[in-house]
Amino acid sequence: MTNAAKTMSARVTLGVTVDLEPMLRASIRASKRQHLGTDEVTEQDMQRAREVFAARTHEEKQAPDPTVLERIRKGLPEGVELVELLEARDGSTSTSGTVLQVNDLSLLPAITIDNSQPGQTPAKPFEKFAVTSEGKLLTLQGALEDPGVAVDGASEANPIFSAVKMWLKVELPTKPKSHNARRTDGGALIWELVLGADLSPKGGRQTVPVELCCVLPS
């Protein structure tokens, strides 16, 4: 790898979005069955439940544990900064993620995110990624992988969630030469792996390839 590779920085977010609507529907059904003798759930019921859920989680939202933040920061290599632990709610949808500022994309495979519970192994989400440079081009290759936590016997009738979406967002200082991102949001590139209610990849996909090529600054 040439020294030129060290001039390409990026903001990298690794996140998970969960749709908790089945949990809300089950809660409404149980309440109506107990108090009204019916288990019919209308769209009006669901909309009200989404609003209450979003408002309640907003009120109950707490600042990230300072000890967790400090542990994550200490575990990051020099040149990588923790920007934010993302926590957001939109109706019945819950999103969490880790936002990192990476001064040198070649550091990506070395990143360890130590926000695990005591006794668990810290995550190395990019350890299989490869960053190479040739001439004025820098290439990033990797994949979003099936986490391997599928629930045996589960189905779309899962009482907690209907879908889980793992996603990676990369924001570069310049427009990439090429990429295979599933979608874009402004200048951000986004790759997504959608899991079903049984936490297995929908459509049988085990990985979502991540590829991008950038022209290094002069």
N, C-alpha and C. Protein backbone atom coordinates (compact mmCIF):
# COMPACT_ATOMS: atom_id res chain seq x y z
N MET A 1 0.84 -1.19 0.00
CA MET A 1 0.00 0.00 0.00
C MET A 1 0.88 1.24 0.00
N THR A 2 0.52 2.21 -0.81
CA THR A 2 1.29 3.43 -0.90
C THR A 2 0.84 4.41 0.16
N ASN A 3 1.69 5.41 0.41
CA ASN A 3 1.33 6.42 1.39
C ASN A 3 0.12 7.23 0.96
N ALA A 4 -0.16 7.26 -0.37
CA ALA A 4 -1.30 8.03 -0.86
C ALA A 4 -2.60 7.56 -0.25
N ALA A 5 -2.70 6.27 0.08
CA ALA A 5 -3.94 5.71 0.65
C ALA A 5 -4.31 6.40 1.95
N LYS A 6 -3.33 6.94 2.64
CA LYS A 6 -3.60 7.57 3.94
C LYS A 6 -4.31 8.90 3.81
N THR A 7 -4.48 9.39 2.59
CA THR A 7 -5.13 10.68 2.40
C THR A 7 -6.64 10.55 2.23
N MET A 8 -7.18 9.34 2.16
CA MET A 8 -8.62 9.16 1.97
C MET A 8 -9.28 8.88 3.32
N SER A 9 -10.16 9.77 3.73
CA SER A 9 -10.88 9.60 4.99
C SER A 9 -12.34 9.28 4.69
N ALA A 10 -13.09 8.94 5.72
CA ALA A 10 -14.52 8.65 5.54
C ALA A 10 -15.22 8.67 6.89
N ARG A 11 -16.51 8.95 6.85
CA ARG A 11 -17.35 8.75 8.03
C ARG A 11 -18.11 7.45 7.80
N VAL A 12 -17.97 6.52 8.73
CA VAL A 12 -18.52 5.17 8.57
C VAL A 12 -19.51 4.89 9.69
N THR A 13 -20.71 4.48 9.31
CA THR A 13 -21.73 4.13 10.30
C THR A 13 -22.17 2.70 10.07
N LEU A 14 -22.12 1.89 11.13
CA LEU A 14 -22.62 0.52 11.09
C LEU A 14 -23.84 0.47 11.99
N GLY A 15 -24.99 0.07 11.43
CA GLY A 15 -26.22 0.14 12.21
C GLY A 15 -27.17 -1.02 12.00
N VAL A 16 -28.19 -1.04 12.84
CA VAL A 16 -29.25 -2.04 12.78
C VAL A 16 -30.59 -1.33 12.95
N THR A 17 -31.54 -1.64 12.07
CA THR A 17 -32.89 -1.09 12.18
C THR A 17 -33.88 -2.23 12.36
N VAL A 18 -34.73 -2.11 13.38
CA VAL A 18 -35.67 -3.17 13.73
C VAL A 18 -37.10 -2.63 13.66
N ASP A 19 -37.99 -3.37 13.02
CA ASP A 19 -39.40 -3.00 12.98
C ASP A 19 -40.13 -3.78 14.08
N LEU A 20 -40.59 -3.06 15.10
CA LEU A 20 -41.23 -3.69 16.26
C LEU A 20 -42.76 -3.69 16.16
N GLU A 21 -43.31 -3.49 14.97
CA GLU A 21 -44.76 -3.42 14.83
C GLU A 21 -45.48 -4.67 15.32
N PRO A 22 -44.98 -5.89 15.07
CA PRO A 22 -45.67 -7.07 15.60
C PRO A 22 -45.80 -7.06 17.12
N MET A 23 -44.79 -6.52 17.82
CA MET A 23 -44.87 -6.43 19.27
C MET A 23 -46.00 -5.48 19.67
N LEU A 24 -46.11 -4.34 18.98
CA LEU A 24 -47.18 -3.39 19.29
C LEU A 24 -48.54 -4.00 18.99
N ARG A 25 -48.65 -4.70 17.87
CA ARG A 25 -49.93 -5.31 17.49
C ARG A 25 -50.37 -6.35 18.52
N ALA A 26 -49.41 -7.16 18.97
CA ALA A 26 -49.73 -8.18 19.97
C ALA A 26 -50.17 -7.55 21.28
N SER A 27 -49.53 -6.43 21.66
CA SER A 27 -49.89 -5.74 22.89
C SER A 27 -51.30 -5.16 22.81
N ILE A 28 -51.63 -4.56 21.67
CA ILE A 28 -52.98 -4.01 21.48
C ILE A 28 -54.02 -5.12 21.52
N ARG A 29 -53.72 -6.21 20.85
CA ARG A 29 -54.67 -7.33 20.78
C ARG A 29 -54.95 -7.88 22.18
N ALA A 30 -53.89 -8.03 22.99
CA ALA A 30 -54.07 -8.56 24.34
C ALA A 30 -54.89 -7.60 25.20
N SER A 31 -54.63 -6.29 25.06
CA SER A 31 -55.37 -5.31 25.84
C SER A 31 -56.84 -5.26 25.46
N LYS A 32 -57.13 -5.30 24.16
CA LYS A 32 -58.51 -5.23 23.70
C LYS A 32 -59.27 -6.51 24.07
N ARG A 33 -58.56 -7.63 24.03
CA ARG A 33 -59.20 -8.89 24.40
C ARG A 33 -59.60 -8.87 25.88
N GLN A 34 -58.73 -8.30 26.71
CA GLN A 34 -58.99 -8.25 28.15
C GLN A 34 -60.10 -7.26 28.51
N HIS A 35 -60.10 -6.09 27.87
CA HIS A 35 -61.02 -5.03 28.28
C HIS A 35 -62.27 -4.91 27.42
N LEU A 36 -62.18 -5.35 26.15
CA LEU A 36 -63.31 -5.17 25.25
C LEU A 36 -63.87 -6.47 24.70
N GLY A 37 -63.17 -7.57 24.97
CA GLY A 37 -63.66 -8.85 24.50
C GLY A 37 -63.47 -9.07 23.01
N THR A 38 -62.61 -8.31 22.38
CA THR A 38 -62.32 -8.48 20.96
C THR A 38 -60.83 -8.38 20.75
N ASP A 39 -60.32 -9.04 19.72
CA ASP A 39 -58.90 -8.93 19.42
C ASP A 39 -58.65 -8.30 18.06
N GLU A 40 -59.65 -7.59 17.55
CA GLU A 40 -59.47 -6.89 16.28
C GLU A 40 -58.56 -5.68 16.48
N VAL A 41 -57.57 -5.54 15.62
CA VAL A 41 -56.64 -4.41 15.68
C VAL A 41 -56.79 -3.60 14.39
N THR A 42 -57.22 -2.36 14.51
CA THR A 42 -57.43 -1.51 13.35
C THR A 42 -56.17 -0.70 13.05
N GLU A 43 -56.14 -0.10 11.87
CA GLU A 43 -55.02 0.76 11.51
C GLU A 43 -54.97 1.99 12.42
N GLN A 44 -56.13 2.45 12.85
CA GLN A 44 -56.18 3.58 13.78
C GLN A 44 -55.53 3.19 15.12
N ASP A 45 -55.80 1.95 15.58
CA ASP A 45 -55.16 1.45 16.80
C ASP A 45 -53.63 1.45 16.64
N MET A 46 -53.17 0.97 15.47
CA MET A 46 -51.74 0.87 15.24
C MET A 46 -51.08 2.24 15.18
N GLN A 47 -51.74 3.19 14.51
CA GLN A 47 -51.15 4.52 14.39
C GLN A 47 -51.00 5.17 15.76
N ARG A 48 -52.04 5.01 16.59
CA ARG A 48 -51.97 5.56 17.94
C ARG A 48 -50.86 4.89 18.74
N ALA A 49 -50.72 3.58 18.59
CA ALA A 49 -49.68 2.84 19.31
C ALA A 49 -48.29 3.29 18.87
N ARG A 50 -48.12 3.53 17.57
CA ARG A 50 -46.82 4.00 17.07
C ARG A 50 -46.47 5.34 17.69
N GLU A 51 -47.45 6.24 17.75
CA GLU A 51 -47.21 7.57 18.31
C GLU A 51 -46.85 7.50 19.79
N VAL A 52 -47.59 6.68 20.54
CA VAL A 52 -47.32 6.54 21.97
C VAL A 52 -45.95 5.90 22.19
N PHE A 53 -45.63 4.88 21.40
CA PHE A 53 -44.34 4.19 21.52
C PHE A 53 -43.19 5.15 21.26
N ALA A 54 -43.32 5.94 20.18
CA ALA A 54 -42.26 6.88 19.83
C ALA A 54 -42.09 7.94 20.92
N ALA A 55 -43.22 8.46 21.42
CA ALA A 55 -43.16 9.50 22.46
C ALA A 55 -42.56 8.95 23.75
N ARG A 56 -42.95 7.74 24.11
CA ARG A 56 -42.46 7.15 25.36
C ARG A 56 -40.97 6.86 25.29
N THR A 57 -40.53 6.31 24.16
CA THR A 57 -39.10 6.00 24.04
C THR A 57 -38.28 7.27 23.99
N HIS A 58 -38.86 8.34 23.43
CA HIS A 58 -38.15 9.63 23.43
C HIS A 58 -37.98 10.15 24.85
N GLU A 59 -39.04 10.04 25.66
CA GLU A 59 -39.00 10.51 27.04
C GLU A 59 -38.02 9.68 27.88
N GLU A 60 -37.95 8.38 27.58
CA GLU A 60 -37.13 7.48 28.38
C GLU A 60 -35.69 7.39 27.89
N LYS A 61 -35.41 8.03 26.73
CA LYS A 61 -34.07 7.94 26.16
C LYS A 61 -33.04 8.51 27.12
N GLN A 62 -32.00 7.75 27.33
CA GLN A 62 -30.94 8.17 28.24
C GLN A 62 -29.65 8.38 27.46
N ALA A 63 -28.79 9.22 27.99
CA ALA A 63 -27.48 9.43 27.36
C ALA A 63 -26.68 8.14 27.44
N PRO A 64 -25.83 7.87 26.44
CA PRO A 64 -25.00 6.66 26.48
C PRO A 64 -24.17 6.59 27.75
N ASP A 65 -23.98 5.40 28.24
CA ASP A 65 -23.18 5.18 29.43
C ASP A 65 -21.75 5.69 29.19
N PRO A 66 -21.28 6.64 29.99
CA PRO A 66 -19.92 7.18 29.79
C PRO A 66 -18.83 6.11 29.82
N THR A 67 -19.03 5.08 30.63
CA THR A 67 -18.01 4.02 30.70
C THR A 67 -17.95 3.23 29.39
N VAL A 68 -19.12 3.05 28.76
CA VAL A 68 -19.16 2.35 27.47
C VAL A 68 -18.47 3.21 26.40
N LEU A 69 -18.79 4.50 26.38
CA LEU A 69 -18.17 5.40 25.42
C LEU A 69 -16.65 5.39 25.57
N GLU A 70 -16.20 5.45 26.81
CA GLU A 70 -14.76 5.49 27.05
C GLU A 70 -14.11 4.17 26.63
N ARG A 71 -14.77 3.06 26.89
CA ARG A 71 -14.23 1.76 26.51
C ARG A 71 -14.12 1.63 24.99
N ILE A 72 -15.14 2.13 24.27
CA ILE A 72 -15.09 2.09 22.81
C ILE A 72 -13.96 2.95 22.30
N ARG A 73 -13.85 4.16 22.83
CA ARG A 73 -12.81 5.09 22.37
C ARG A 73 -11.41 4.51 22.59
N LYS A 74 -11.20 3.90 23.76
CA LYS A 74 -9.88 3.32 24.06
C LYS A 74 -9.55 2.15 23.16
N GLY A 75 -10.58 1.45 22.66
CA GLY A 75 -10.34 0.28 21.83
C GLY A 75 -10.12 0.59 20.37
N LEU A 76 -10.33 1.84 19.97
CA LEU A 76 -10.18 2.21 18.57
C LEU A 76 -8.72 2.53 18.24
N PRO A 77 -8.27 2.19 17.03
CA PRO A 77 -6.89 2.52 16.65
C PRO A 77 -6.72 4.02 16.46
N GLU A 78 -5.50 4.49 16.57
CA GLU A 78 -5.22 5.90 16.33
C GLU A 78 -5.63 6.26 14.90
N GLY A 79 -6.33 7.36 14.76
CA GLY A 79 -6.82 7.75 13.44
C GLY A 79 -8.29 7.43 13.24
N VAL A 80 -8.91 6.78 14.24
CA VAL A 80 -10.35 6.48 14.20
C VAL A 80 -11.00 7.09 15.43
N GLU A 81 -12.06 7.86 15.23
CA GLU A 81 -12.72 8.57 16.32
C GLU A 81 -14.19 8.17 16.42
N LEU A 82 -14.64 7.92 17.64
CA LEU A 82 -16.07 7.68 17.86
C LEU A 82 -16.81 9.01 17.81
N VAL A 83 -17.73 9.14 16.86
CA VAL A 83 -18.51 10.37 16.71
C VAL A 83 -19.77 10.31 17.54
N GLU A 84 -20.46 9.15 17.49
CA GLU A 84 -21.77 9.05 18.14
C GLU A 84 -22.20 7.60 18.23
N LEU A 85 -22.91 7.28 19.31
CA LEU A 85 -23.69 6.05 19.38
C LEU A 85 -25.11 6.44 19.02
N LEU A 86 -25.56 5.98 17.87
CA LEU A 86 -26.84 6.40 17.32
C LEU A 86 -27.99 5.62 17.93
N GLU A 87 -29.01 6.33 18.41
CA GLU A 87 -30.24 5.72 18.90
C GLU A 87 -31.39 6.58 18.41
N ALA A 88 -32.30 6.00 17.61
CA ALA A 88 -33.39 6.78 17.03
C ALA A 88 -34.65 5.92 16.97
N ARG A 89 -35.80 6.58 17.06
CA ARG A 89 -37.10 5.93 16.96
C ARG A 89 -37.95 6.67 15.93
N ASP A 90 -38.66 5.93 15.11
CA ASP A 90 -39.59 6.51 14.14
C ASP A 90 -40.80 5.59 14.08
N GLY A 91 -41.86 5.99 14.80
CA GLY A 91 -43.02 5.10 14.90
C GLY A 91 -42.63 3.82 15.61
N SER A 92 -42.86 2.68 14.94
CA SER A 92 -42.51 1.39 15.54
C SER A 92 -41.11 0.94 15.16
N THR A 93 -40.37 1.78 14.46
CA THR A 93 -39.04 1.41 13.99
C THR A 93 -37.96 1.94 14.93
N SER A 94 -37.04 1.07 15.30
CA SER A 94 -35.94 1.42 16.19
C SER A 94 -34.61 1.25 15.46
N THR A 95 -33.76 2.25 15.54
CA THR A 95 -32.46 2.20 14.87
C THR A 95 -31.35 2.49 15.85
N SER A 96 -30.31 1.68 15.81
CA SER A 96 -29.12 1.92 16.62
C SER A 96 -27.90 1.77 15.72
N GLY A 97 -26.82 2.44 16.10
CA GLY A 97 -25.63 2.33 15.28
C GLY A 97 -24.43 3.00 15.92
N THR A 98 -23.28 2.77 15.33
CA THR A 98 -22.02 3.35 15.77
C THR A 98 -21.45 4.18 14.63
N VAL A 99 -21.23 5.47 14.90
CA VAL A 99 -20.72 6.40 13.89
C VAL A 99 -19.25 6.66 14.16
N LEU A 100 -18.41 6.41 13.17
CA LEU A 100 -16.96 6.57 13.32
C LEU A 100 -16.42 7.52 12.26
N GLN A 101 -15.47 8.35 12.64
CA GLN A 101 -14.71 9.14 11.69
C GLN A 101 -13.37 8.45 11.49
N VAL A 102 -13.12 7.99 10.26
CA VAL A 102 -11.91 7.23 9.95
C VAL A 102 -11.00 8.11 9.09
N ASN A 103 -9.87 8.49 9.64
CA ASN A 103 -8.97 9.40 8.93
C ASN A 103 -8.22 8.72 7.79
N ASP A 104 -8.13 7.39 7.84
CA ASP A 104 -7.41 6.62 6.83
C ASP A 104 -8.19 5.33 6.62
N LEU A 105 -8.80 5.16 5.45
CA LEU A 105 -9.64 3.97 5.22
C LEU A 105 -8.88 2.67 5.38
N SER A 106 -7.56 2.69 5.25
CA SER A 106 -6.81 1.45 5.42
C SER A 106 -6.86 0.95 6.86
N LEU A 107 -7.33 1.80 7.80
CA LEU A 107 -7.47 1.39 9.20
C LEU A 107 -8.74 0.58 9.44
N LEU A 108 -9.65 0.57 8.48
CA LEU A 108 -10.96 -0.05 8.69
C LEU A 108 -10.87 -1.49 9.21
N PRO A 109 -10.06 -2.37 8.60
CA PRO A 109 -10.02 -3.77 9.08
C PRO A 109 -9.53 -3.91 10.52
N ALA A 110 -8.82 -2.92 11.04
CA ALA A 110 -8.26 -3.02 12.40
C ALA A 110 -9.21 -2.53 13.47
N ILE A 111 -10.38 -2.04 13.09
CA ILE A 111 -11.29 -1.44 14.06
C ILE A 111 -11.93 -2.51 14.95
N THR A 112 -11.87 -2.28 16.25
CA THR A 112 -12.57 -3.10 17.24
C THR A 112 -13.55 -2.20 17.98
N ILE A 113 -14.81 -2.64 18.07
CA ILE A 113 -15.83 -1.86 18.78
C ILE A 113 -16.18 -2.61 20.06
N ASP A 114 -15.69 -2.11 21.17
CA ASP A 114 -15.87 -2.79 22.45
C ASP A 114 -17.05 -2.19 23.21
N ASN A 115 -18.27 -2.50 22.72
CA ASN A 115 -19.48 -2.08 23.46
C ASN A 115 -20.27 -3.30 23.91
N SER A 116 -19.57 -4.43 24.02
CA SER A 116 -20.21 -5.68 24.41
C SER A 116 -20.44 -5.74 25.92
N GLN A 117 -21.23 -6.72 26.33
CA GLN A 117 -21.45 -6.97 27.75
C GLN A 117 -20.22 -7.67 28.34
N PRO A 118 -20.01 -7.56 29.66
CA PRO A 118 -18.86 -8.24 30.27
C PRO A 118 -18.84 -9.73 29.91
N GLY A 119 -17.69 -10.21 29.53
CA GLY A 119 -17.54 -11.61 29.17
C GLY A 119 -17.72 -11.88 27.69
N GLN A 120 -18.24 -10.91 26.93
CA GLN A 120 -18.42 -11.08 25.50
C GLN A 120 -17.19 -10.56 24.76
N THR A 121 -17.00 -11.10 23.56
CA THR A 121 -15.86 -10.68 22.74
C THR A 121 -16.20 -9.40 21.99
N PRO A 122 -15.34 -8.38 22.04
CA PRO A 122 -15.59 -7.14 21.29
C PRO A 122 -15.74 -7.43 19.80
N ALA A 123 -16.57 -6.64 19.14
CA ALA A 123 -16.85 -6.86 17.72
C ALA A 123 -15.72 -6.31 16.84
N LYS A 124 -15.42 -7.04 15.77
CA LYS A 124 -14.49 -6.59 14.74
C LYS A 124 -15.23 -6.65 13.40
N PRO A 125 -16.13 -5.69 13.18
CA PRO A 125 -17.05 -5.79 12.04
C PRO A 125 -16.42 -5.69 10.67
N PHE A 126 -15.18 -5.18 10.60
CA PHE A 126 -14.56 -4.97 9.28
C PHE A 126 -13.29 -5.80 9.10
N GLU A 127 -13.08 -6.81 9.95
CA GLU A 127 -11.82 -7.53 9.90
C GLU A 127 -11.60 -8.28 8.59
N LYS A 128 -12.69 -8.59 7.85
CA LYS A 128 -12.54 -9.29 6.56
C LYS A 128 -12.53 -8.32 5.38
N PHE A 129 -12.60 -7.01 5.66
CA PHE A 129 -12.52 -6.02 4.59
C PHE A 129 -11.07 -5.86 4.15
N ALA A 130 -10.90 -5.47 2.90
CA ALA A 130 -9.57 -5.22 2.35
C ALA A 130 -9.56 -3.84 1.71
N VAL A 131 -8.52 -3.07 2.01
CA VAL A 131 -8.34 -1.74 1.43
C VAL A 131 -6.99 -1.75 0.72
N THR A 132 -7.01 -1.52 -0.58
CA THR A 132 -5.78 -1.54 -1.37
C THR A 132 -5.71 -0.29 -2.23
N SER A 133 -4.50 0.07 -2.64
CA SER A 133 -4.32 1.21 -3.53
C SER A 133 -3.37 0.85 -4.64
N GLU A 134 -3.63 1.39 -5.81
CA GLU A 134 -2.77 1.19 -6.97
C GLU A 134 -2.80 2.48 -7.77
N GLY A 135 -1.65 3.10 -7.86
CA GLY A 135 -1.60 4.39 -8.52
C GLY A 135 -2.44 5.40 -7.75
N LYS A 136 -3.40 6.01 -8.45
CA LYS A 136 -4.24 7.02 -7.80
C LYS A 136 -5.59 6.46 -7.37
N LEU A 137 -5.75 5.14 -7.42
CA LEU A 137 -7.02 4.52 -7.07
C LEU A 137 -6.94 3.77 -5.74
N LEU A 138 -7.96 3.96 -4.92
CA LEU A 138 -8.08 3.22 -3.67
C LEU A 138 -9.35 2.37 -3.76
N THR A 139 -9.24 1.10 -3.40
CA THR A 139 -10.36 0.17 -3.51
C THR A 139 -10.68 -0.43 -2.14
N LEU A 140 -11.97 -0.44 -1.82
CA LEU A 140 -12.46 -1.07 -0.59
C LEU A 140 -13.34 -2.25 -0.98
N GLN A 141 -13.07 -3.42 -0.41
CA GLN A 141 -13.87 -4.61 -0.67
C GLN A 141 -14.16 -5.33 0.64
N GLY A 142 -15.41 -5.75 0.80
CA GLY A 142 -15.82 -6.48 2.00
C GLY A 142 -17.23 -6.97 1.82
N ALA A 143 -17.93 -7.19 2.93
CA ALA A 143 -19.30 -7.68 2.83
C ALA A 143 -20.02 -7.49 4.16
N LEU A 144 -21.32 -7.26 4.07
CA LEU A 144 -22.19 -7.40 5.24
C LEU A 144 -22.57 -8.86 5.30
N GLU A 145 -22.33 -9.51 6.43
CA GLU A 145 -22.51 -10.95 6.52
C GLU A 145 -23.66 -11.33 7.44
N ASP A 146 -24.28 -12.46 7.13
CA ASP A 146 -25.29 -13.06 7.99
C ASP A 146 -24.68 -13.24 9.39
N PRO A 147 -25.31 -12.65 10.42
CA PRO A 147 -24.71 -12.74 11.77
C PRO A 147 -24.78 -14.14 12.36
N GLY A 148 -25.53 -15.05 11.74
CA GLY A 148 -25.57 -16.42 12.22
C GLY A 148 -26.31 -16.59 13.53
N VAL A 149 -27.38 -15.82 13.73
CA VAL A 149 -28.16 -15.93 14.97
C VAL A 149 -29.62 -16.24 14.66
N ALA A 150 -29.86 -16.98 13.58
CA ALA A 150 -31.23 -17.31 13.19
C ALA A 150 -31.97 -18.05 14.30
N VAL A 151 -33.28 -17.80 14.39
CA VAL A 151 -34.12 -18.43 15.40
C VAL A 151 -34.80 -19.64 14.79
N ASP A 152 -34.52 -20.82 15.29
CA ASP A 152 -35.12 -22.05 14.76
C ASP A 152 -36.63 -22.03 14.94
N GLY A 153 -37.33 -22.35 13.87
CA GLY A 153 -38.79 -22.48 13.95
C GLY A 153 -39.53 -21.16 13.92
N ALA A 154 -38.83 -20.04 13.84
CA ALA A 154 -39.52 -18.74 13.80
C ALA A 154 -40.11 -18.52 12.41
N SER A 155 -41.01 -17.57 12.32
CA SER A 155 -41.66 -17.27 11.05
C SER A 155 -42.00 -15.80 11.02
N GLU A 156 -42.71 -15.38 9.95
CA GLU A 156 -43.11 -13.98 9.86
C GLU A 156 -44.12 -13.62 10.96
N ALA A 157 -44.58 -14.61 11.72
CA ALA A 157 -45.51 -14.34 12.82
C ALA A 157 -44.76 -14.05 14.12
N ASN A 158 -43.46 -13.80 14.01
CA ASN A 158 -42.67 -13.49 15.20
C ASN A 158 -43.36 -12.39 16.01
N PRO A 159 -43.59 -12.60 17.31
CA PRO A 159 -44.35 -11.63 18.11
C PRO A 159 -43.56 -10.37 18.48
N ILE A 160 -42.28 -10.32 18.16
CA ILE A 160 -41.46 -9.18 18.57
C ILE A 160 -41.18 -8.24 17.39
N PHE A 161 -40.73 -8.77 16.27
CA PHE A 161 -40.39 -7.91 15.14
C PHE A 161 -40.71 -8.64 13.84
N SER A 162 -40.83 -7.87 12.76
CA SER A 162 -41.11 -8.45 11.46
C SER A 162 -39.87 -8.50 10.58
N ALA A 163 -38.93 -7.60 10.82
CA ALA A 163 -37.72 -7.57 10.00
C ALA A 163 -36.61 -6.85 10.75
N VAL A 164 -35.39 -7.23 10.43
CA VAL A 164 -34.20 -6.58 10.97
C VAL A 164 -33.31 -6.23 9.78
N LYS A 165 -32.84 -5.00 9.75
CA LYS A 165 -32.00 -4.56 8.65
C LYS A 165 -30.63 -4.15 9.18
N MET A 166 -29.59 -4.86 8.75
CA MET A 166 -28.22 -4.47 9.05
C MET A 166 -27.76 -3.56 7.92
N TRP A 167 -27.09 -2.46 8.27
CA TRP A 167 -26.67 -1.55 7.21
C TRP A 167 -25.34 -0.88 7.50
N LEU A 168 -24.69 -0.53 6.42
CA LEU A 168 -23.41 0.15 6.47
C LEU A 168 -23.52 1.43 5.63
N LYS A 169 -23.16 2.56 6.21
CA LYS A 169 -23.18 3.83 5.48
C LYS A 169 -21.77 4.40 5.46
N VAL A 170 -21.32 4.77 4.27
CA VAL A 170 -19.99 5.35 4.09
C VAL A 170 -20.15 6.72 3.43
N GLU A 171 -19.61 7.74 4.09
CA GLU A 171 -19.64 9.10 3.55
C GLU A 171 -18.20 9.52 3.25
N LEU A 172 -17.94 9.79 1.96
CA LEU A 172 -16.60 10.13 1.50
C LEU A 172 -16.47 11.63 1.24
N PRO A 173 -15.25 12.16 1.29
CA PRO A 173 -15.07 13.59 1.00
C PRO A 173 -15.24 13.94 -0.47
N THR A 174 -15.13 12.94 -1.36
CA THR A 174 -15.31 13.16 -2.79
C THR A 174 -16.17 12.05 -3.36
N LYS A 175 -16.75 12.27 -4.52
CA LYS A 175 -17.59 11.27 -5.17
C LYS A 175 -16.74 10.09 -5.60
N PRO A 176 -17.15 8.84 -5.30
CA PRO A 176 -16.35 7.68 -5.68
C PRO A 176 -16.35 7.46 -7.20
N LYS A 177 -15.32 6.82 -7.69
CA LYS A 177 -15.24 6.47 -9.11
C LYS A 177 -16.29 5.43 -9.45
N SER A 178 -16.48 4.45 -8.55
CA SER A 178 -17.50 3.41 -8.75
C SER A 178 -17.86 2.81 -7.40
N HIS A 179 -19.03 2.17 -7.33
CA HIS A 179 -19.46 1.51 -6.10
C HIS A 179 -20.62 0.58 -6.42
N ASN A 180 -20.94 -0.33 -5.50
CA ASN A 180 -22.09 -1.23 -5.67
C ASN A 180 -23.10 -1.07 -4.54
N ALA A 181 -23.16 0.13 -3.93
CA ALA A 181 -24.09 0.37 -2.83
C ALA A 181 -25.52 0.12 -3.30
N ARG A 182 -26.35 -0.43 -2.40
CA ARG A 182 -27.74 -0.71 -2.73
C ARG A 182 -28.53 0.57 -2.95
N ARG A 183 -28.17 1.63 -2.20
CA ARG A 183 -28.83 2.91 -2.38
C ARG A 183 -27.93 4.02 -1.89
N THR A 184 -28.31 5.25 -2.21
CA THR A 184 -27.56 6.42 -1.77
C THR A 184 -28.50 7.37 -1.05
N ASP A 185 -27.93 8.18 -0.16
CA ASP A 185 -28.68 9.20 0.56
C ASP A 185 -27.84 10.47 0.53
N GLY A 186 -28.15 11.35 -0.41
CA GLY A 186 -27.27 12.48 -0.63
C GLY A 186 -25.95 11.95 -1.15
N GLY A 187 -24.86 12.28 -0.46
CA GLY A 187 -23.56 11.77 -0.86
C GLY A 187 -23.16 10.48 -0.16
N ALA A 188 -24.03 9.95 0.68
CA ALA A 188 -23.71 8.74 1.44
C ALA A 188 -24.03 7.48 0.65
N LEU A 189 -23.18 6.48 0.76
CA LEU A 189 -23.40 5.18 0.14
C LEU A 189 -23.90 4.22 1.21
N ILE A 190 -24.96 3.46 0.90
CA ILE A 190 -25.58 2.59 1.91
C ILE A 190 -25.75 1.18 1.36
N TRP A 191 -25.24 0.22 2.13
CA TRP A 191 -25.42 -1.20 1.84
C TRP A 191 -26.32 -1.78 2.91
N GLU A 192 -27.23 -2.71 2.55
CA GLU A 192 -28.19 -3.25 3.50
C GLU A 192 -28.30 -4.77 3.36
N LEU A 193 -28.40 -5.43 4.50
CA LEU A 193 -28.71 -6.86 4.56
C LEU A 193 -29.99 -7.00 5.38
N VAL A 194 -31.06 -7.47 4.73
CA VAL A 194 -32.36 -7.57 5.39
C VAL A 194 -32.57 -8.99 5.90
N LEU A 195 -32.85 -9.09 7.20
CA LEU A 195 -33.13 -10.38 7.83
C LEU A 195 -34.63 -10.48 8.10
N GLY A 196 -35.16 -11.70 8.03
CA GLY A 196 -36.56 -11.92 8.31
C GLY A 196 -36.82 -12.05 9.80
N ALA A 197 -38.05 -12.43 10.14
CA ALA A 197 -38.42 -12.56 11.55
C ALA A 197 -37.64 -13.67 12.25
N ASP A 198 -37.08 -14.59 11.48
CA ASP A 198 -36.28 -15.66 12.10
C ASP A 198 -34.79 -15.29 12.14
N LEU A 199 -34.48 -14.03 11.81
CA LEU A 199 -33.11 -13.52 11.83
C LEU A 199 -32.20 -14.19 10.82
N SER A 200 -32.78 -14.73 9.74
CA SER A 200 -31.98 -15.25 8.65
C SER A 200 -32.17 -14.34 7.44
N PRO A 201 -31.17 -14.25 6.55
CA PRO A 201 -31.26 -13.34 5.42
C PRO A 201 -32.43 -13.69 4.49
N LYS A 202 -33.21 -12.68 4.13
CA LYS A 202 -34.32 -12.90 3.22
C LYS A 202 -33.79 -13.27 1.84
N GLY A 203 -34.49 -14.18 1.17
CA GLY A 203 -34.09 -14.61 -0.15
C GLY A 203 -32.88 -15.53 -0.13
N GLY A 204 -32.47 -15.95 1.06
CA GLY A 204 -31.35 -16.88 1.15
C GLY A 204 -29.98 -16.22 1.00
N ARG A 205 -29.93 -14.88 0.93
CA ARG A 205 -28.64 -14.20 0.81
C ARG A 205 -27.86 -14.35 2.11
N GLN A 206 -26.63 -14.76 1.99
CA GLN A 206 -25.79 -14.87 3.17
C GLN A 206 -24.91 -13.65 3.37
N THR A 207 -24.60 -12.95 2.28
CA THR A 207 -23.77 -11.75 2.37
C THR A 207 -24.25 -10.71 1.36
N VAL A 208 -23.92 -9.48 1.63
CA VAL A 208 -24.11 -8.39 0.67
C VAL A 208 -22.73 -7.82 0.39
N PRO A 209 -22.21 -7.98 -0.82
CA PRO A 209 -20.87 -7.47 -1.13
C PRO A 209 -20.80 -5.95 -0.99
N VAL A 210 -19.67 -5.48 -0.50
CA VAL A 210 -19.41 -4.04 -0.36
C VAL A 210 -18.16 -3.72 -1.19
N GLU A 211 -18.34 -2.89 -2.19
CA GLU A 211 -17.23 -2.53 -3.06
C GLU A 211 -17.31 -1.05 -3.41
N LEU A 212 -16.19 -0.39 -3.34
CA LEU A 212 -16.13 0.99 -3.85
C LEU A 212 -14.70 1.29 -4.28
N CYS A 213 -14.59 2.20 -5.24
CA CYS A 213 -13.29 2.61 -5.77
C CYS A 213 -13.25 4.13 -5.79
N CYS A 214 -12.18 4.72 -5.26
CA CYS A 214 -12.06 6.17 -5.16
C CYS A 214 -10.78 6.63 -5.85
N VAL A 215 -10.83 7.83 -6.39
CA VAL A 215 -9.63 8.47 -6.91
C VAL A 215 -9.01 9.27 -5.78
N LEU A 216 -7.76 8.95 -5.45
CA LEU A 216 -7.08 9.63 -4.35
C LEU A 216 -6.76 11.08 -4.72
N PRO A 217 -6.86 11.96 -3.73
CA PRO A 217 -6.53 13.37 -3.99
C PRO A 217 -5.08 13.52 -4.44
N SER A 218 -4.83 14.51 -5.25
CA SER A 218 -3.46 14.75 -5.73
C SER A 218 -2.58 15.25 -4.60
